[in-house]
PDB file of N, CA and C in Angstrom:
ATOM      1  N   MET A   1       0.836  -1.187   0.000  1.00  0.00           N
ATOM      2  CA  MET A   1       0.000   0.000   0.000  1.00  0.00           C
ATOM      3  C   MET A   1       0.882   1.251   0.000  1.00  0.00           C
ATOM      4  N   TYR A   2       0.292   2.341  -0.446  1.00  0.00           N
ATOM      5  CA  TYR A   2       0.986   3.611  -0.565  1.00  0.00           C
ATOM      6  C   TYR A   2       0.127   4.672   0.120  1.00  0.00           C
ATOM      7  N   ALA A   3       0.661   5.282   1.158  1.00  0.00           N
ATOM      8  CA  ALA A   3      -0.081   6.268   1.945  1.00  0.00           C
ATOM      9  C   ALA A   3       0.313   7.683   1.540  1.00  0.00           C
ATOM     10  N   VAL A   4      -0.686   8.537   1.464  1.00  0.00           N
ATOM     11  CA  VAL A   4      -0.477   9.942   1.123  1.00  0.00           C
ATOM     12  C   VAL A   4      -1.145  10.786   2.203  1.00  0.00           C
ATOM     13  N   CYS A   5      -0.378  11.705   2.782  1.00  0.00           N
ATOM     14  CA  CYS A   5      -0.893  12.636   3.788  1.00  0.00           C
ATOM     15  C   CYS A   5      -0.777  14.044   3.219  1.00  0.00           C
ATOM     16  N   VAL A   6      -1.870  14.765   3.231  1.00  0.00           N
ATOM     17  CA  VAL A   6      -1.901  16.114   2.669  1.00  0.00           C
ATOM     18  C   VAL A   6      -2.499  17.049   3.711  1.00  0.00           C
ATOM     19  N   THR A   7      -1.861  18.192   3.913  1.00  0.00           N
ATOM     20  CA  THR A   7      -2.436  19.241   4.748  1.00  0.00           C
ATOM     21  C   THR A   7      -2.661  20.467   3.878  1.00  0.00           C
ATOM     22  N   PHE A   8      -3.901  20.909   3.837  1.00  0.00           N
ATOM     23  CA  PHE A   8      -4.266  22.142   3.154  1.00  0.00           C
ATOM     24  C   PHE A   8      -4.488  23.212   4.210  1.00  0.00           C
ATOM     25  N   HIS A   9      -3.910  24.374   4.003  1.00  0.00           N
ATOM     26  CA  HIS A   9      -4.197  25.550   4.820  1.00  0.00           C
ATOM     27  C   HIS A   9      -5.078  26.441   3.947  1.00  0.00           C
ATOM     28  N   ILE A  10      -6.294  26.667   4.411  1.00  0.00           N
ATOM     29  CA  ILE A  10      -7.335  27.286   3.600  1.00  0.00           C
ATOM     30  C   ILE A  10      -7.578  28.725   4.029  1.00  0.00           C
ATOM     31  N   ARG A  11      -7.846  29.582   3.046  1.00  0.00           N
ATOM     32  CA  ARG A  11      -8.274  30.942   3.378  1.00  0.00           C
ATOM     33  C   ARG A  11      -9.544  30.849   4.218  1.00  0.00           C
ATOM     34  N   PRO A  12      -9.617  31.547   5.339  1.00  0.00           N
ATOM     35  CA  PRO A  12     -10.805  31.449   6.206  1.00  0.00           C
ATOM     36  C   PRO A  12     -12.118  31.748   5.482  1.00  0.00           C
ATOM     37  N   ASP A  13     -12.105  32.696   4.562  1.00  0.00           N
ATOM     38  CA  ASP A  13     -13.337  33.045   3.841  1.00  0.00           C
ATOM     39  C   ASP A  13     -13.754  31.977   2.827  1.00  0.00           C
ATOM     40  N   ALA A  14     -12.877  31.025   2.535  1.00  0.00           N
ATOM     41  CA  ALA A  14     -13.173  29.974   1.552  1.00  0.00           C
ATOM     42  C   ALA A  14     -13.323  28.601   2.198  1.00  0.00           C
ATOM     43  N   PHE A  15     -13.232  28.546   3.520  1.00  0.00           N
ATOM     44  CA  PHE A  15     -13.187  27.252   4.203  1.00  0.00           C
ATOM     45  C   PHE A  15     -14.412  26.384   3.918  1.00  0.00           C
ATOM     46  N   ASP A  16     -15.603  26.927   4.058  1.00  0.00           N
ATOM     47  CA  ASP A  16     -16.820  26.120   3.885  1.00  0.00           C
ATOM     48  C   ASP A  16     -16.945  25.568   2.472  1.00  0.00           C
ATOM     49  N   LYS A  17     -16.694  26.401   1.466  1.00  0.00           N
ATOM     50  CA  LYS A  17     -16.808  25.897   0.093  1.00  0.00           C
ATOM     51  C   LYS A  17     -15.680  24.921  -0.224  1.00  0.00           C
ATOM     52  N   PHE A  18     -14.495  25.149   0.347  1.00  0.00           N
ATOM     53  CA  PHE A  18     -13.413  24.182   0.154  1.00  0.00           C
ATOM     54  C   PHE A  18     -13.801  22.828   0.737  1.00  0.00           C
ATOM     55  N   LEU A  19     -14.336  22.831   1.943  1.00  0.00           N
ATOM     56  CA  LEU A  19     -14.690  21.573   2.598  1.00  0.00           C
ATOM     57  C   LEU A  19     -15.767  20.816   1.811  1.00  0.00           C
ATOM     58  N   ARG A  20     -16.769  21.531   1.314  1.00  0.00           N
ATOM     59  CA  ARG A  20     -17.794  20.877   0.479  1.00  0.00           C
ATOM     60  C   ARG A  20     -17.161  20.247  -0.757  1.00  0.00           C
ATOM     61  N   ARG A  21     -16.266  20.987  -1.393  1.00  0.00           N
ATOM     62  CA  ARG A  21     -15.616  20.483  -2.615  1.00  0.00           C
ATOM     63  C   ARG A  21     -14.693  19.316  -2.289  1.00  0.00           C
ATOM     64  N   MET A  22     -14.041  19.358  -1.139  1.00  0.00           N
ATOM     65  CA  MET A  22     -13.152  18.271  -0.727  1.00  0.00           C
ATOM     66  C   MET A  22     -13.942  16.989  -0.490  1.00  0.00           C
ATOM     67  N   HIS A  23     -15.119  17.096   0.103  1.00  0.00           N
ATOM     68  CA  HIS A  23     -15.966  15.907   0.299  1.00  0.00           C
ATOM     69  C   HIS A  23     -16.327  15.280  -1.050  1.00  0.00           C
ATOM     70  N   GLN A  24     -16.636  16.119  -2.029  1.00  0.00           N
ATOM     71  CA  GLN A  24     -16.948  15.611  -3.366  1.00  0.00           C
ATOM     72  C   GLN A  24     -15.723  14.925  -3.971  1.00  0.00           C
ATOM     73  N   GLN A  25     -14.554  15.529  -3.788  1.00  0.00           N
ATOM     74  CA  GLN A  25     -13.318  14.946  -4.320  1.00  0.00           C
ATOM     75  C   GLN A  25     -13.038  13.587  -3.684  1.00  0.00           C
ATOM     76  N   ALA A  26     -13.242  13.470  -2.391  1.00  0.00           N
ATOM     77  CA  ALA A  26     -13.034  12.186  -1.714  1.00  0.00           C
ATOM     78  C   ALA A  26     -13.989  11.131  -2.266  1.00  0.00           C
ATOM     79  N   ASP A  27     -15.263  11.497  -2.412  1.00  0.00           N
ATOM     80  CA  ASP A  27     -16.245  10.558  -2.969  1.00  0.00           C
ATOM     81  C   ASP A  27     -15.872  10.140  -4.385  1.00  0.00           C
ATOM     82  N   ASP A  28     -15.458  11.107  -5.215  1.00  0.00           N
ATOM     83  CA  ASP A  28     -15.054  10.793  -6.590  1.00  0.00           C
ATOM     84  C   ASP A  28     -13.856   9.855  -6.612  1.00  0.00           C
ATOM     85  N   SER A  29     -12.880  10.110  -5.775  1.00  0.00           N
ATOM     86  CA  SER A  29     -11.672   9.277  -5.750  1.00  0.00           C
ATOM     87  C   SER A  29     -12.008   7.841  -5.369  1.00  0.00           C
ATOM     88  N   LEU A  30     -12.844   7.676  -4.363  1.00  0.00           N
ATOM     89  CA  LEU A  30     -13.203   6.329  -3.908  1.00  0.00           C
ATOM     90  C   LEU A  30     -14.085   5.594  -4.911  1.00  0.00           C
ATOM     91  N   SER A  31     -14.950   6.299  -5.601  1.00  0.00           N
ATOM     92  CA  SER A  31     -15.880   5.627  -6.517  1.00  0.00           C
ATOM     93  C   SER A  31     -15.321   5.441  -7.924  1.00  0.00           C
ATOM     94  N   LYS A  32     -14.392   6.288  -8.339  1.00  0.00           N
ATOM     95  CA  LYS A  32     -13.898   6.249  -9.718  1.00  0.00           C
ATOM     96  C   LYS A  32     -12.521   5.619  -9.868  1.00  0.00           C
ATOM     97  N   GLU A  33     -11.822   5.403  -8.761  1.00  0.00           N
ATOM     98  CA  GLU A  33     -10.457   4.889  -8.838  1.00  0.00           C
ATOM     99  C   GLU A  33     -10.369   3.537  -8.142  1.00  0.00           C
ATOM    100  N   GLU A  34     -10.098   2.519  -8.927  1.00  0.00           N
ATOM    101  CA  GLU A  34      -9.986   1.169  -8.371  1.00  0.00           C
ATOM    102  C   GLU A  34      -8.860   1.070  -7.345  1.00  0.00           C
ATOM    103  N   GLY A  35      -7.785   1.827  -7.545  1.00  0.00           N
ATOM    104  CA  GLY A  35      -6.625   1.743  -6.669  1.00  0.00           C
ATOM    105  C   GLY A  35      -6.683   2.609  -5.427  1.00  0.00           C
ATOM    106  N   CYS A  36      -7.761   3.385  -5.254  1.00  0.00           N
ATOM    107  CA  CYS A  36      -7.919   4.231  -4.065  1.00  0.00           C
ATOM    108  C   CYS A  36      -8.753   3.473  -3.045  1.00  0.00           C
ATOM    109  N   HIS A  37      -8.146   3.142  -1.905  1.00  0.00           N
ATOM    110  CA  HIS A  37      -8.814   2.331  -0.891  1.00  0.00           C
ATOM    111  C   HIS A  37      -9.339   3.133   0.298  1.00  0.00           C
ATOM    112  N   ARG A  38      -8.779   4.317   0.502  1.00  0.00           N
ATOM    113  CA  ARG A  38      -9.200   5.124   1.651  1.00  0.00           C
ATOM    114  C   ARG A  38      -8.950   6.595   1.322  1.00  0.00           C
ATOM    115  N   PHE A  39      -9.855   7.450   1.762  1.00  0.00           N
ATOM    116  CA  PHE A  39      -9.701   8.886   1.539  1.00  0.00           C
ATOM    117  C   PHE A  39     -10.402   9.601   2.694  1.00  0.00           C
ATOM    118  N   ASP A  40      -9.667   9.815   3.775  1.00  0.00           N
ATOM    119  CA  ASP A  40     -10.210  10.466   4.967  1.00  0.00           C
ATOM    120  C   ASP A  40      -9.978  11.971   4.894  1.00  0.00           C
ATOM    121  N   VAL A  41     -11.008  12.730   5.226  1.00  0.00           N
ATOM    122  CA  VAL A  41     -10.927  14.186   5.297  1.00  0.00           C
ATOM    123  C   VAL A  41     -11.077  14.555   6.768  1.00  0.00           C
ATOM    124  N   CYS A  42     -10.070  15.224   7.330  1.00  0.00           N
ATOM    125  CA  CYS A  42     -10.033  15.481   8.777  1.00  0.00           C
ATOM    126  C   CYS A  42      -9.874  16.973   9.074  1.00  0.00           C
ATOM    127  N   HIS A  43     -10.482  17.391  10.186  1.00  0.00           N
ATOM    128  CA  HIS A  43     -10.358  18.756  10.695  1.00  0.00           C
ATOM    129  C   HIS A  43     -10.255  18.658  12.210  1.00  0.00           C
ATOM    130  N   ASP A  44      -9.537  19.561  12.821  1.00  0.00           N
ATOM    131  CA  ASP A  44      -9.332  19.477  14.269  1.00  0.00           C
ATOM    132  C   ASP A  44     -10.565  19.862  15.081  1.00  0.00           C
ATOM    133  N   GLY A  45     -11.598  20.356  14.431  1.00  0.00           N
ATOM    134  CA  GLY A  45     -12.825  20.706  15.136  1.00  0.00           C
ATOM    135  C   GLY A  45     -12.792  22.068  15.792  1.00  0.00           C
ATOM    136  N   GLY A  46     -11.659  22.713  15.745  1.00  0.00           N
ATOM    137  CA  GLY A  46     -11.527  24.037  16.350  1.00  0.00           C
ATOM    138  C   GLY A  46     -11.623  25.138  15.316  1.00  0.00           C
ATOM    139  N   LEU A  47     -10.886  26.196  15.557  1.00  0.00           N
ATOM    140  CA  LEU A  47     -10.929  27.352  14.673  1.00  0.00           C
ATOM    141  C   LEU A  47      -9.889  27.296  13.565  1.00  0.00           C
ATOM    142  N   SER A  48      -9.132  26.240  13.512  1.00  0.00           N
ATOM    143  CA  SER A  48      -8.091  26.098  12.503  1.00  0.00           C
ATOM    144  C   SER A  48      -8.698  26.065  11.106  1.00  0.00           C
ATOM    145  N   SER A  49      -7.976  26.605  10.160  1.00  0.00           N
ATOM    146  CA  SER A  49      -8.428  26.538   8.768  1.00  0.00           C
ATOM    147  C   SER A  49      -7.620  25.496   7.996  1.00  0.00           C
ATOM    148  N   ALA A  50      -7.113  24.496   8.712  1.00  0.00           N
ATOM    149  CA  ALA A  50      -6.350  23.421   8.072  1.00  0.00           C
ATOM    150  C   ALA A  50      -7.229  22.185   7.904  1.00  0.00           C
ATOM    151  N   ILE A  51      -7.060  21.519   6.776  1.00  0.00           N
ATOM    152  CA  ILE A  51      -7.710  20.244   6.488  1.00  0.00           C
ATOM    153  C   ILE A  51      -6.611  19.224   6.235  1.00  0.00           C
ATOM    154  N   PHE A  52      -6.726  18.077   6.882  1.00  0.00           N
ATOM    155  CA  PHE A  52      -5.747  17.002   6.737  1.00  0.00           C
ATOM    156  C   PHE A  52      -6.406  15.839   6.006  1.00  0.00           C
ATOM    157  N   LEU A  53      -5.709  15.299   5.017  1.00  0.00           N
ATOM    158  CA  LEU A  53      -6.189  14.138   4.272  1.00  0.00           C
ATOM    159  C   LEU A  53      -5.285  12.952   4.534  1.00  0.00           C
ATOM    160  N   TYR A  54      -5.903  11.788   4.681  1.00  0.00           N
ATOM    161  CA  TYR A  54      -5.167  10.527   4.719  1.00  0.00           C
ATOM    162  C   TYR A  54      -5.735   9.677   3.595  1.00  0.00           C
ATOM    163  N   GLU A  55      -4.882   9.394   2.611  1.00  0.00           N
ATOM    164  CA  GLU A  55      -5.301   8.638   1.437  1.00  0.00           C
ATOM    165  C   GLU A  55      -4.463   7.369   1.361  1.00  0.00           C
ATOM    166  N   LEU A  56      -5.099   6.275   0.991  1.00  0.00           N
ATOM    167  CA  LEU A  56      -4.396   5.000   0.890  1.00  0.00           C
ATOM    168  C   LEU A  56      -4.665   4.406  -0.486  1.00  0.00           C
ATOM    169  N   TYR A  57      -3.577   4.139  -1.211  1.00  0.00           N
ATOM    170  CA  TYR A  57      -3.649   3.620  -2.573  1.00  0.00           C
ATOM    171  C   TYR A  57      -2.998   2.248  -2.644  1.00  0.00           C
ATOM    172  N   GLU A  58      -3.365   1.510  -3.669  1.00  0.00           N
ATOM    173  CA  GLU A  58      -2.811   0.172  -3.883  1.00  0.00           C
ATOM    174  C   GLU A  58      -1.286   0.227  -3.980  1.00  0.00           C
ATOM    175  N   ASP A  59      -0.787   1.221  -4.704  1.00  0.00           N
ATOM    176  CA  ASP A  59       0.653   1.386  -4.902  1.00  0.00           C
ATOM    177  C   ASP A  59       0.915   2.797  -5.426  1.00  0.00           C
ATOM    178  N   ARG A  60       2.174   3.103  -5.657  1.00  0.00           N
ATOM    179  CA  ARG A  60       2.559   4.438  -6.137  1.00  0.00           C
ATOM    180  C   ARG A  60       1.889   4.761  -7.474  1.00  0.00           C
ATOM    181  N   ARG A  61       1.799   3.770  -8.350  1.00  0.00           N
ATOM    182  CA  ARG A  61       1.184   3.990  -9.664  1.00  0.00           C
ATOM    183  C   ARG A  61      -0.288   4.387  -9.515  1.00  0.00           C
ATOM    184  N   ALA A  62      -1.004   3.781  -8.591  1.00  0.00           N
ATOM    185  CA  ALA A  62      -2.409   4.146  -8.370  1.00  0.00           C
ATOM    186  C   ALA A  62      -2.518   5.613  -7.945  1.00  0.00           C
ATOM    187  N   PHE A  63      -1.571   6.078  -7.127  1.00  0.00           N
ATOM    188  CA  PHE A  63      -1.578   7.489  -6.739  1.00  0.00           C
ATOM    189  C   PHE A  63      -1.248   8.382  -7.931  1.00  0.00           C
ATOM    190  N   GLU A  64      -0.310   7.945  -8.766  1.00  0.00           N
ATOM    191  CA  GLU A  64       0.009   8.719  -9.969  1.00  0.00           C
ATOM    192  C   GLU A  64      -1.216   8.845 -10.868  1.00  0.00           C
ATOM    193  N   LEU A  65      -1.956   7.749 -11.023  1.00  0.00           N
ATOM    194  CA  LEU A  65      -3.184   7.788 -11.825  1.00  0.00           C
ATOM    195  C   LEU A  65      -4.210   8.734 -11.199  1.00  0.00           C
ATOM    196  N   HIS A  66      -4.301   8.730  -9.882  1.00  0.00           N
ATOM    197  CA  HIS A  66      -5.181   9.670  -9.174  1.00  0.00           C
ATOM    198  C   HIS A  66      -4.794  11.105  -9.529  1.00  0.00           C
ATOM    199  N   SER A  67      -3.503  11.406  -9.474  1.00  0.00           N
ATOM    200  CA  SER A  67      -3.013  12.762  -9.722  1.00  0.00           C
ATOM    201  C   SER A  67      -3.226  13.213 -11.161  1.00  0.00           C
ATOM    202  N   GLU A  68      -3.402  12.258 -12.067  1.00  0.00           N
ATOM    203  CA  GLU A  68      -3.622  12.557 -13.485  1.00  0.00           C
ATOM    204  C   GLU A  68      -5.100  12.501 -13.868  1.00  0.00           C
ATOM    205  N   SER A  69      -5.958  12.104 -12.935  1.00  0.00           N
ATOM    206  CA  SER A  69      -7.372  11.892 -13.261  1.00  0.00           C
ATOM    207  C   SER A  69      -8.082  13.215 -13.555  1.00  0.00           C
ATOM    208  N   GLU A  70      -9.108  13.121 -14.374  1.00  0.00           N
ATOM    209  CA  GLU A  70      -9.888  14.297 -14.745  1.00  0.00           C
ATOM    210  C   GLU A  70     -10.520  14.957 -13.521  1.00  0.00           C
ATOM    211  N   HIS A  71     -11.062  14.148 -12.619  1.00  0.00           N
ATOM    212  CA  HIS A  71     -11.724  14.741 -11.449  1.00  0.00           C
ATOM    213  C   HIS A  71     -10.720  15.404 -10.508  1.00  0.00           C
ATOM    214  N   PHE A  72      -9.493  14.849 -10.383  1.00  0.00           N
ATOM    215  CA  PHE A  72      -8.485  15.504  -9.547  1.00  0.00           C
ATOM    216  C   PHE A  72      -8.037  16.821 -10.172  1.00  0.00           C
ATOM    217  N   LEU A  73      -7.773  16.815 -11.469  1.00  0.00           N
ATOM    218  CA  LEU A  73      -7.307  18.034 -12.135  1.00  0.00           C
ATOM    219  C   LEU A  73      -8.356  19.145 -12.037  1.00  0.00           C
ATOM    220  N   ALA A  74      -9.637  18.792 -12.162  1.00  0.00           N
ATOM    221  CA  ALA A  74     -10.707  19.787 -12.018  1.00  0.00           C
ATOM    222  C   ALA A  74     -10.756  20.315 -10.582  1.00  0.00           C
ATOM    223  N   PHE A  75     -10.648  19.410  -9.612  1.00  0.00           N
ATOM    224  CA  PHE A  75     -10.631  19.810  -8.201  1.00  0.00           C
ATOM    225  C   PHE A  75      -9.460  20.752  -7.926  1.00  0.00           C
ATOM    226  N   ASP A  76      -8.277  20.360  -8.355  1.00  0.00           N
ATOM    227  CA  ASP A  76      -7.067  21.135  -8.093  1.00  0.00           C
ATOM    228  C   ASP A  76      -7.175  22.547  -8.670  1.00  0.00           C
ATOM    229  N   ALA A  77      -7.693  22.650  -9.889  1.00  0.00           N
ATOM    230  CA  ALA A  77      -7.852  23.966 -10.515  1.00  0.00           C
ATOM    231  C   ALA A  77      -8.872  24.817  -9.755  1.00  0.00           C
ATOM    232  N   GLU A  78      -9.945  24.182  -9.305  1.00  0.00           N
ATOM    233  CA  GLU A  78     -11.009  24.927  -8.621  1.00  0.00           C
ATOM    234  C   GLU A  78     -10.571  25.455  -7.259  1.00  0.00           C
ATOM    235  N   VAL A  79      -9.824  24.672  -6.499  1.00  0.00           N
ATOM    236  CA  VAL A  79      -9.492  25.072  -5.125  1.00  0.00           C
ATOM    237  C   VAL A  79      -8.168  25.820  -4.998  1.00  0.00           C
ATOM    238  N   SER A  80      -7.411  25.923  -6.072  1.00  0.00           N
ATOM    239  CA  SER A  80      -6.074  26.528  -5.960  1.00  0.00           C
ATOM    240  C   SER A  80      -6.124  27.950  -5.409  1.00  0.00           C
ATOM    241  N   GLY A  81      -7.138  28.706  -5.735  1.00  0.00           N
ATOM    242  CA  GLY A  81      -7.263  30.069  -5.227  1.00  0.00           C
ATOM    243  C   GLY A  81      -7.769  30.151  -3.797  1.00  0.00           C
ATOM    244  N   TRP A  82      -8.225  29.035  -3.264  1.00  0.00           N
ATOM    245  CA  TRP A  82      -8.761  29.001  -1.898  1.00  0.00           C
ATOM    246  C   TRP A  82      -7.713  28.578  -0.882  1.00  0.00           C
ATOM    247  N   THR A  83      -6.588  28.066  -1.355  1.00  0.00           N
ATOM    248  CA  THR A  83      -5.578  27.518  -0.449  1.00  0.00           C
ATOM    249  C   THR A  83      -4.430  28.500  -0.250  1.00  0.00           C
ATOM    250  N   LEU A  84      -3.939  28.546   0.980  1.00  0.00           N
ATOM    251  CA  LEU A  84      -2.767  29.355   1.303  1.00  0.00           C
ATOM    252  C   LEU A  84      -1.493  28.529   1.180  1.00  0.00           C
ATOM    253  N   LYS A  85      -1.610  27.240   1.490  1.00  0.00           N
ATOM    254  CA  LYS A  85      -0.444  26.359   1.495  1.00  0.00           C
ATOM    255  C   LYS A  85      -0.931  24.918   1.392  1.00  0.00           C
ATOM    256  N   LYS A  86      -0.129  24.085   0.734  1.00  0.00           N
ATOM    257  CA  LYS A  86      -0.445  22.662   0.609  1.00  0.00           C
ATOM    258  C   LYS A  86       0.836  21.873   0.852  1.00  0.00           C
ATOM    259  N   GLU A  87       0.762  20.929   1.792  1.00  0.00           N
ATOM    260  CA  GLU A  87       1.913  20.089   2.116  1.00  0.00           C
ATOM    261  C   GLU A  87       1.539  18.634   1.830  1.00  0.00           C
ATOM    262  N   VAL A  88       2.406  17.927   1.093  1.00  0.00           N
ATOM    263  CA  VAL A  88       2.142  16.534   0.727  1.00  0.00           C
ATOM    264  C   VAL A  88       3.308  15.665   1.179  1.00  0.00           C
ATOM    265  N   SER A  89       2.987  14.570   1.854  1.00  0.00           N
ATOM    266  CA  SER A  89       3.991  13.569   2.242  1.00  0.00           C
ATOM    267  C   SER A  89       3.488  12.213   1.774  1.00  0.00           C
ATOM    268  N   THR A  90       4.406  11.381   1.297  1.00  0.00           N
ATOM    269  CA  THR A  90       4.035  10.042   0.840  1.00  0.00           C
ATOM    270  C   THR A  90       4.869   9.002   1.568  1.00  0.00           C
ATOM    271  N   PHE A  91       4.274   7.824   1.744  1.00  0.00           N
ATOM    272  CA  PHE A  91       4.913   6.762   2.516  1.00  0.00           C
ATOM    273  C   PHE A  91       4.602   5.404   1.904  1.00  0.00           C
ATOM    274  N   GLU A  92       5.604   4.544   1.863  1.00  0.00           N
ATOM    275  CA  GLU A  92       5.394   3.141   1.519  1.00  0.00           C
ATOM    276  C   GLU A  92       5.008   2.419   2.801  1.00  0.00           C
ATOM    277  N   ASN A  93       3.986   1.601   2.750  1.00  0.00           N
ATOM    278  CA  ASN A  93       3.543   0.851   3.923  1.00  0.00           C
ATOM    279  C   ASN A  93       4.461  -0.352   4.105  1.00  0.00           C
ATOM    280  N   VAL A  94       5.203  -0.383   5.202  1.00  0.00           N
ATOM    281  CA  VAL A  94       6.145  -1.477   5.452  1.00  0.00           C
ATOM    282  C   VAL A  94       5.593  -2.518   6.413  1.00  0.00           C
ATOM    283  N   ARG A  95       4.517  -2.187   7.116  1.00  0.00           N
ATOM    284  CA  ARG A  95       3.863  -3.162   7.997  1.00  0.00           C
ATOM    285  C   ARG A  95       2.388  -2.812   8.117  1.00  0.00           C
ATOM    286  N   PRO A  96       1.544  -3.454   7.314  1.00  0.00           N
ATOM    287  CA  PRO A  96       0.116  -3.163   7.398  1.00  0.00           C
ATOM    288  C   PRO A  96      -0.442  -3.499   8.773  1.00  0.00           C
ATOM    289  N   GLY A  97      -1.362  -2.679   9.256  1.00  0.00           N
ATOM    290  CA  GLY A  97      -2.027  -2.932  10.531  1.00  0.00           C
ATOM    291  C   GLY A  97      -3.325  -3.674  10.318  1.00  0.00           C
ATOM    292  N   GLY A  98      -4.068  -3.793  11.363  1.00  0.00           N
ATOM    293  CA  GLY A  98      -5.368  -4.449  11.279  1.00  0.00           C
ATOM    294  C   GLY A  98      -5.287  -5.917  11.626  1.00  0.00           C
ATOM    295  N   PRO A  99      -6.450  -6.565  11.631  1.00  0.00           N
ATOM    296  CA  PRO A  99      -6.508  -7.984  12.024  1.00  0.00           C
ATOM    297  C   PRO A  99      -5.870  -8.909  11.005  1.00  0.00           C
TER     298      PRO A  99
END
């Protein structure tokens, strides 16, 4: 598995519309991409304007396909003006958890 962690820092005036669009992006990724197994959208529940994503893909290639997908490119273009900063980290899963 290939894990992707993304933190978006959002303009406060764009937070609500960004979050709505992010939920749509997560749904699209899970329903349209065979290699996307998990797409969590997280917020600290406070006044922070940061959104954290935890995405899990079959492998690096599945993530590359995600990054090239029509729905991702449309999402990225739409939200680029709403974000102040975007941080992306990727990880190879060396010991899967769970039962």
